[in-house]
């Protein structure tokens, strides 16, 4: 892990297109400003970990093949009746 010291108003660059700035320091809290391309997702770590956890749970759900078949048939029937 790279550890850097920065003061309020200073920044670090990650690659050539991500800038992290120290916006404010109050007590033991630091406010960061992050400039990055729109295709880069940015989350607080605890939020990111929750997203990963929920994605794993969703991916592990067993799906009943008969239920899927029934849903497809109902969808086809609904299109025919329109």
N, C-alpha and C. Protein backbone atom coordinates (compact mmCIF):
# COMPACT_ATOMS: atom_id res chain seq x y z
N UNK A 1 0.85 -1.18 0.00
CA UNK A 1 0.00 0.00 0.00
C UNK A 1 0.89 1.24 0.00
N UNK A 2 0.60 2.15 -0.87
CA UNK A 2 1.31 3.43 -0.91
C UNK A 2 0.62 4.37 0.07
N UNK A 3 1.38 4.99 0.96
CA UNK A 3 0.84 5.94 1.93
C UNK A 3 1.44 7.31 1.63
N UNK A 4 0.58 8.31 1.43
CA UNK A 4 1.02 9.66 1.11
C UNK A 4 0.47 10.64 2.13
N UNK A 5 1.20 11.71 2.38
CA UNK A 5 0.71 12.80 3.22
C UNK A 5 0.27 13.93 2.30
N UNK A 6 -0.88 14.50 2.55
CA UNK A 6 -1.40 15.61 1.77
C UNK A 6 -2.03 16.62 2.73
N UNK A 7 -2.07 17.86 2.32
CA UNK A 7 -2.70 18.92 3.09
C UNK A 7 -3.96 19.37 2.36
N UNK A 8 -4.80 20.11 3.08
CA UNK A 8 -6.02 20.66 2.47
C UNK A 8 -5.65 21.43 1.20
N UNK A 9 -6.39 21.14 0.12
CA UNK A 9 -6.16 21.79 -1.16
C UNK A 9 -5.19 21.05 -2.06
N UNK A 10 -4.51 20.04 -1.52
CA UNK A 10 -3.57 19.26 -2.34
C UNK A 10 -4.28 18.05 -2.93
N UNK A 11 -3.66 17.45 -3.94
CA UNK A 11 -4.26 16.33 -4.67
C UNK A 11 -3.25 15.23 -4.92
N UNK A 12 -3.77 14.09 -5.33
CA UNK A 12 -2.95 13.02 -5.89
C UNK A 12 -3.61 12.59 -7.19
N UNK A 13 -2.80 12.07 -8.09
CA UNK A 13 -3.30 11.58 -9.37
C UNK A 13 -3.17 10.07 -9.42
N UNK A 14 -4.18 9.40 -9.94
CA UNK A 14 -4.13 7.97 -10.21
C UNK A 14 -4.23 7.84 -11.73
N UNK A 15 -3.16 7.37 -12.33
CA UNK A 15 -3.11 7.38 -13.79
C UNK A 15 -3.14 8.83 -14.26
N UNK A 16 -3.65 9.04 -15.45
CA UNK A 16 -3.69 10.41 -15.99
C UNK A 16 -5.08 11.02 -15.93
N UNK A 17 -6.07 10.26 -15.44
CA UNK A 17 -7.43 10.79 -15.50
C UNK A 17 -8.23 10.69 -14.20
N UNK A 18 -7.59 10.33 -13.09
CA UNK A 18 -8.30 10.29 -11.80
C UNK A 18 -7.53 11.18 -10.83
N UNK A 19 -8.23 12.18 -10.29
CA UNK A 19 -7.62 13.10 -9.33
C UNK A 19 -8.40 13.03 -8.02
N UNK A 20 -7.67 12.85 -6.92
CA UNK A 20 -8.28 12.83 -5.59
C UNK A 20 -7.73 14.03 -4.84
N UNK A 21 -8.63 14.93 -4.42
CA UNK A 21 -8.24 16.16 -3.75
C UNK A 21 -8.69 16.14 -2.29
N UNK A 22 -7.88 16.75 -1.43
CA UNK A 22 -8.28 16.94 -0.04
C UNK A 22 -9.07 18.25 -0.01
N UNK A 23 -10.37 18.15 0.21
CA UNK A 23 -11.25 19.31 0.17
C UNK A 23 -11.31 19.99 1.53
N UNK A 24 -11.39 19.19 2.60
CA UNK A 24 -11.54 19.75 3.94
C UNK A 24 -11.05 18.75 4.97
N UNK A 25 -10.57 19.26 6.08
CA UNK A 25 -10.15 18.42 7.21
C UNK A 25 -10.77 19.02 8.46
N UNK A 26 -11.57 18.21 9.17
CA UNK A 26 -12.18 18.65 10.42
C UNK A 26 -12.03 17.54 11.44
N UNK A 27 -11.18 17.75 12.42
CA UNK A 27 -10.95 16.73 13.43
C UNK A 27 -10.38 15.48 12.79
N UNK A 28 -11.08 14.36 13.01
CA UNK A 28 -10.60 13.09 12.44
C UNK A 28 -11.28 12.73 11.13
N UNK A 29 -11.96 13.70 10.52
CA UNK A 29 -12.62 13.45 9.23
C UNK A 29 -11.98 14.26 8.12
N UNK A 30 -11.87 13.62 6.97
CA UNK A 30 -11.31 14.26 5.78
C UNK A 30 -12.37 14.21 4.69
N UNK A 31 -12.60 15.32 4.02
CA UNK A 31 -13.51 15.33 2.86
C UNK A 31 -12.66 15.25 1.61
N UNK A 32 -12.98 14.27 0.78
CA UNK A 32 -12.25 14.06 -0.47
C UNK A 32 -13.10 14.50 -1.65
N UNK A 33 -12.46 15.05 -2.65
CA UNK A 33 -13.09 15.31 -3.93
C UNK A 33 -12.46 14.38 -4.95
N UNK A 34 -13.28 13.73 -5.75
CA UNK A 34 -12.76 12.77 -6.72
C UNK A 34 -13.23 13.16 -8.11
N UNK A 35 -12.28 13.37 -9.00
CA UNK A 35 -12.60 13.62 -10.40
C UNK A 35 -12.14 12.41 -11.18
N UNK A 36 -13.09 11.77 -11.88
CA UNK A 36 -12.79 10.56 -12.64
C UNK A 36 -13.73 10.48 -13.83
N UNK A 37 -13.34 9.73 -14.85
CA UNK A 37 -14.25 9.53 -15.99
C UNK A 37 -15.57 8.90 -15.53
N UNK A 38 -16.63 9.18 -16.25
CA UNK A 38 -17.96 8.66 -15.89
C UNK A 38 -18.02 7.13 -15.87
N UNK A 39 -17.17 6.47 -16.63
CA UNK A 39 -17.23 5.01 -16.69
C UNK A 39 -16.54 4.35 -15.48
N UNK A 40 -15.96 5.14 -14.60
CA UNK A 40 -15.34 4.62 -13.38
C UNK A 40 -16.36 4.75 -12.25
N UNK A 41 -16.72 3.62 -11.64
CA UNK A 41 -17.65 3.67 -10.51
C UNK A 41 -16.86 3.96 -9.24
N UNK A 42 -17.46 4.78 -8.38
CA UNK A 42 -16.82 5.16 -7.12
C UNK A 42 -17.81 4.91 -6.00
N UNK A 43 -17.39 4.11 -5.02
CA UNK A 43 -18.23 3.80 -3.86
C UNK A 43 -17.38 3.88 -2.60
N UNK A 44 -18.02 4.22 -1.49
CA UNK A 44 -17.35 4.02 -0.20
C UNK A 44 -17.16 2.52 -0.03
N UNK A 45 -16.10 2.11 0.65
CA UNK A 45 -15.78 0.69 0.74
C UNK A 45 -16.92 -0.12 1.34
N UNK A 46 -17.56 0.39 2.41
CA UNK A 46 -18.63 -0.38 3.04
C UNK A 46 -19.83 -0.57 2.11
N UNK A 47 -20.09 0.41 1.25
CA UNK A 47 -21.17 0.28 0.26
C UNK A 47 -20.77 -0.74 -0.81
N UNK A 48 -19.53 -0.67 -1.28
CA UNK A 48 -19.03 -1.60 -2.28
C UNK A 48 -19.10 -3.04 -1.77
N UNK A 49 -18.70 -3.26 -0.53
CA UNK A 49 -18.75 -4.61 0.04
C UNK A 49 -20.18 -5.13 0.12
N UNK A 50 -21.14 -4.26 0.43
CA UNK A 50 -22.55 -4.65 0.47
C UNK A 50 -23.06 -5.01 -0.92
N UNK A 51 -22.65 -4.25 -1.93
CA UNK A 51 -23.04 -4.55 -3.32
C UNK A 51 -22.52 -5.92 -3.72
N UNK A 52 -21.25 -6.20 -3.41
CA UNK A 52 -20.65 -7.50 -3.74
C UNK A 52 -21.41 -8.62 -3.03
N UNK A 53 -21.72 -8.43 -1.77
CA UNK A 53 -22.44 -9.44 -0.98
C UNK A 53 -23.81 -9.72 -1.60
N UNK A 54 -24.55 -8.67 -1.95
CA UNK A 54 -25.88 -8.86 -2.52
C UNK A 54 -25.81 -9.49 -3.91
N UNK A 55 -24.80 -9.14 -4.70
CA UNK A 55 -24.64 -9.76 -6.02
C UNK A 55 -24.36 -11.25 -5.89
N UNK A 56 -23.53 -11.63 -4.92
CA UNK A 56 -23.23 -13.05 -4.70
C UNK A 56 -24.49 -13.80 -4.28
N UNK A 57 -25.29 -13.18 -3.41
CA UNK A 57 -26.54 -13.82 -2.97
C UNK A 57 -27.49 -13.99 -4.15
N UNK A 58 -27.61 -12.97 -4.97
CA UNK A 58 -28.52 -13.05 -6.13
C UNK A 58 -28.06 -14.11 -7.12
N UNK A 59 -26.75 -14.24 -7.28
CA UNK A 59 -26.22 -15.22 -8.23
C UNK A 59 -26.36 -16.65 -7.73
N UNK A 60 -26.51 -16.82 -6.43
CA UNK A 60 -26.57 -18.18 -5.87
C UNK A 60 -28.00 -18.69 -5.70
N UNK A 61 -28.98 -17.87 -6.04
CA UNK A 61 -30.38 -18.29 -5.92
C UNK A 61 -30.67 -19.37 -6.95
N UNK A 62 -31.28 -20.46 -6.49
CA UNK A 62 -31.65 -21.53 -7.42
C UNK A 62 -32.95 -21.16 -8.12
N UNK A 63 -32.98 -21.37 -9.40
CA UNK A 63 -34.16 -21.04 -10.20
C UNK A 63 -34.82 -22.33 -10.64
N UNK A 64 -36.12 -22.39 -10.47
CA UNK A 64 -36.90 -23.56 -10.85
C UNK A 64 -37.14 -23.52 -12.36
N UNK A 65 -36.61 -24.48 -13.12
CA UNK A 65 -36.78 -24.48 -14.58
C UNK A 65 -38.25 -24.51 -15.00
N UNK A 66 -39.09 -25.20 -14.23
CA UNK A 66 -40.52 -25.26 -14.56
C UNK A 66 -41.16 -23.88 -14.42
N UNK A 67 -40.73 -23.12 -13.43
CA UNK A 67 -41.25 -21.77 -13.24
C UNK A 67 -40.87 -20.89 -14.43
N UNK A 68 -39.63 -20.98 -14.88
CA UNK A 68 -39.19 -20.20 -16.04
C UNK A 68 -40.00 -20.57 -17.27
N UNK A 69 -40.22 -21.86 -17.48
CA UNK A 69 -41.00 -22.32 -18.63
C UNK A 69 -42.42 -21.76 -18.55
N UNK A 70 -43.00 -21.80 -17.36
CA UNK A 70 -44.36 -21.29 -17.16
C UNK A 70 -44.43 -19.79 -17.45
N UNK A 71 -43.43 -19.06 -17.00
CA UNK A 71 -43.41 -17.61 -17.24
C UNK A 71 -43.29 -17.33 -18.73
N UNK A 72 -42.45 -18.07 -19.43
CA UNK A 72 -42.29 -17.88 -20.88
C UNK A 72 -43.61 -18.16 -21.59
N UNK A 73 -44.28 -19.23 -21.21
CA UNK A 73 -45.56 -19.59 -21.85
C UNK A 73 -46.59 -18.50 -21.59
N UNK A 74 -46.66 -18.01 -20.36
CA UNK A 74 -47.62 -16.94 -20.03
C UNK A 74 -47.30 -15.68 -20.84
N UNK A 75 -46.01 -15.38 -21.00
CA UNK A 75 -45.61 -14.21 -21.79
C UNK A 75 -46.04 -14.34 -23.23
N UNK A 76 -45.88 -15.53 -23.80
CA UNK A 76 -46.30 -15.78 -25.19
C UNK A 76 -47.81 -15.66 -25.30
N UNK A 77 -48.54 -16.22 -24.33
CA UNK A 77 -50.01 -16.14 -24.35
C UNK A 77 -50.48 -14.69 -24.25
N UNK A 78 -49.81 -13.89 -23.42
CA UNK A 78 -50.19 -12.49 -23.27
C UNK A 78 -49.95 -11.71 -24.56
N UNK A 79 -48.88 -12.00 -25.28
CA UNK A 79 -48.60 -11.32 -26.55
C UNK A 79 -49.66 -11.68 -27.59
N UNK A 80 -50.11 -12.95 -27.60
CA UNK A 80 -51.11 -13.39 -28.57
C UNK A 80 -52.45 -12.71 -28.31
N UNK A 81 -52.77 -12.46 -27.04
CA UNK A 81 -54.08 -11.88 -26.71
C UNK A 81 -54.11 -10.38 -26.93
N UNK A 82 -52.97 -9.76 -27.17
CA UNK A 82 -52.95 -8.29 -27.36
C UNK A 82 -53.37 -7.88 -28.72
